């Protein structure tokens, strides 16, 4: 495929992919809409077999290879989701696949990629390091490169998402899209504008990797070294994607790591669906920029669900702390038999469930006859914490919240 990307390319991709990938649900979220002041529609790309939209573009590229190219095999460079998409569909079609991933790619993504029969090569400390190595390896071995975003066939495959969204929810007036290298938003914007010319397409990047935001806003905001949204942790957009973004995308917004964490937790609690960091940035943008989307009919693409279980567990705990459902209280009490038990019984009567206790004698400035107690408790929220602290003080305890 040469030249620019057209709706004809995307419709051809949709025909190619039909029956090979899921036409995932695009459903309204009444609760999120009420909370955010707009109508919210979720496209559940985390329901794909590899839990990511990436297999759309991967398959559209692979399906167009010649017999000779298939025999030699394909190579992809990916932080994880593109890797799985290429590996899965290559295995399904009997094509050898080599996947180059950064050394610190999430273990769950590495193992699942290997599970699809791919030869996984871990190289470099970042996606950009892995890409440099992978490009050289593809040339050395004569493999066809399946680029994660800077390939028109891949971009066309990703654009099929917008066709499905607008078929399911034709009243959408805004689509919010995660942006890394730009393949997803380039395809989505092309398809959406062709089907609904007045629609607004808004990109979202993490503050730690703001390359496209910088390009669109003529800014020089520095980036970071890592992000919870590792799937969009790309230092520079593609040579093909950036012109498409400039031409067809209305705006690009930034969200913080805290914004993303809160969005992951909100989708888990409200929608009972698991997303990775990149899959949550659209909701994070709605939360952070509420006035920007007030009253609109907004489609969000939950673009991936491959998150490390331990990372998800930590996000849940941190979210409980922020909401006041998990709190660390510090008390000092007389260091005599039964004092700790009395304190624990009082917390129980107050409805605070003890999760953890640390009893400190040596590492404290208290007088020798007293002990410092740090107790982690489950509560009903911030107001309940204040009630517990007030009751403790009434009973003669010196108590404060320290976390």
Foldseek 3Di string as FASTA:
>chain_A
DDDAAALVLLVVLCVQCVPVWDLFDWAWFPVLCVVLQATETEGQQCPIPLRFLQLLLLSLVVVPDDPVQQALAAEEEALASNLLSNLQVNLVVVGAYEYEHAQPRDPLRVVNSVVSVHHYHHAHNASVRSVVVRVVVCVVSVHHYSYSAQDNSSLSSLLNSLVSNCVNPVQAQEEEAEAAQQSNQLSVLNNNCVSPVRHAYEYEYELQACALQCVLVVHDRHHHDDAQPRRRNHNHHYPNRSVSCNVRHDYYYYAYRLLLLVQQVCCCVRVVAAATSSLRRRVSCSVVPSVVQRHGNYYGYSRGRDHDPVVNVVSVVVVCVVFAQKFKKKWKDFPDPPPVVVVQVLCVVLVWAWDDKDWAQPPDPDDNRMIMIITITGDPGDVSVVVSCVVCVVVPIDMDIDD
